[in-house]
Amino acid sequence: MHIHCALGIPCPYEQVYHALKVESCSVPTDRGTVAISLEEDVLMVEVETEDVSSLRASLNTWLRLVNEAIEVAHLLSESEHI
């Protein structure tokens, strides 16, 4: 079975895309793939896996990575305005 999930996450920081793109190219598993793209201010994360367990693990990992990267970018942008 092939499972495909695409998420669009609002993200006004292009740096987040560049940081995560590097990570998406080095995913160390043969159970799935991840593709990252940036469309306007929306970060697209597309995950393909062979089973539901892999999908859950991949989504948990990528949602956590995206969240942390956006938080860091936000903090950095605020510190530039001080």
Protein backbone atom coordinates (compact mmCIF):
# COMPACT_ATOMS: atom_id res chain seq x y z
CA MET A 1 0.00 0.00 0.00
CA HIS A 2 1.25 3.49 -0.84
CA ILE A 3 0.17 6.37 1.41
CA HIS A 4 0.62 10.00 0.39
CA CYS A 5 0.03 12.98 2.66
CA ALA A 6 0.52 16.64 1.71
CA LEU A 7 0.50 19.42 4.31
CA GLY A 8 0.45 23.17 3.67
CA ILE A 9 1.86 25.10 6.63
CA PRO A 10 1.81 28.92 6.73
CA CYS A 11 5.44 30.05 6.86
CA PRO A 12 6.61 33.60 6.10
CA TYR A 13 10.31 32.69 6.58
CA GLU A 14 12.16 31.49 3.47
CA GLN A 15 15.09 30.45 5.69
CA VAL A 16 12.90 27.70 7.16
CA TYR A 17 12.40 26.20 3.72
CA HIS A 18 16.15 26.21 2.99
CA ALA A 19 16.99 24.62 6.35
CA LEU A 20 14.39 21.89 6.00
CA LYS A 21 15.17 21.21 2.35
CA VAL A 22 18.63 20.03 3.40
CA GLU A 23 17.05 17.70 5.97
CA SER A 24 14.59 16.29 3.44
CA CYS A 25 17.46 15.22 1.19
CA SER A 26 19.08 13.18 3.94
CA VAL A 27 16.16 11.14 5.28
CA PRO A 28 17.78 7.88 6.47
CA THR A 29 14.95 5.44 5.77
CA ASP A 30 13.72 3.26 2.97
CA ARG A 31 10.18 3.22 4.38
CA GLY A 32 9.21 6.59 2.94
CA THR A 33 10.14 9.84 1.25
CA VAL A 34 9.68 13.51 2.04
CA ALA A 35 9.50 16.43 -0.38
CA ILE A 36 9.63 20.06 0.74
CA SER A 37 8.60 23.07 -1.34
CA LEU A 38 7.69 26.69 -0.73
CA GLU A 39 4.69 28.20 -2.50
CA GLU A 40 4.25 31.88 -1.65
CA ASP A 41 4.17 31.87 2.17
CA VAL A 42 3.12 28.23 2.48
CA LEU A 43 5.61 25.47 3.24
CA MET A 44 4.48 22.27 1.54
CA VAL A 45 5.53 19.01 3.17
CA GLU A 46 4.70 15.87 1.20
CA VAL A 47 5.25 12.48 2.79
CA GLU A 48 4.95 9.11 1.06
CA THR A 49 5.19 5.89 3.02
CA GLU A 50 4.37 2.21 2.71
CA ASP A 51 2.30 1.91 5.89
CA VAL A 52 0.34 3.91 8.46
CA SER A 53 2.95 3.45 11.19
CA SER A 54 5.66 5.01 9.01
CA LEU A 55 3.32 7.85 8.05
CA ARG A 56 2.62 8.65 11.69
CA ALA A 57 6.32 8.60 12.58
CA SER A 58 7.26 10.76 9.58
CA LEU A 59 4.51 13.29 10.22
CA ASN A 60 5.44 13.57 13.90
CA THR A 61 9.08 14.16 12.99
CA TRP A 62 8.41 16.70 10.24
CA LEU A 63 5.76 18.63 12.15
CA ARG A 64 8.16 18.94 15.08
CA LEU A 65 11.02 20.05 12.79
CA VAL A 66 8.84 22.62 11.00
CA ASN A 67 7.48 23.98 14.28
CA GLU A 68 10.94 24.39 15.81
CA ALA A 69 12.38 25.98 12.66
CA ILE A 70 9.52 28.50 12.45
CA GLU A 71 9.89 29.36 16.15
CA VAL A 72 13.64 29.98 15.75
CA ALA A 73 13.10 32.08 12.61
CA HIS A 74 10.45 34.11 14.44
CA LEU A 75 12.76 34.72 17.41
CA LEU A 76 15.58 35.75 15.10
CA SER A 77 13.33 38.17 13.21
CA GLU A 78 12.19 39.73 16.50
CA SER A 79 15.77 40.17 17.70
CA GLU A 80 16.63 42.07 14.51
CA HIS A 81 13.95 44.64 15.38
CA ILE A 82 15.31 45.40 18.85
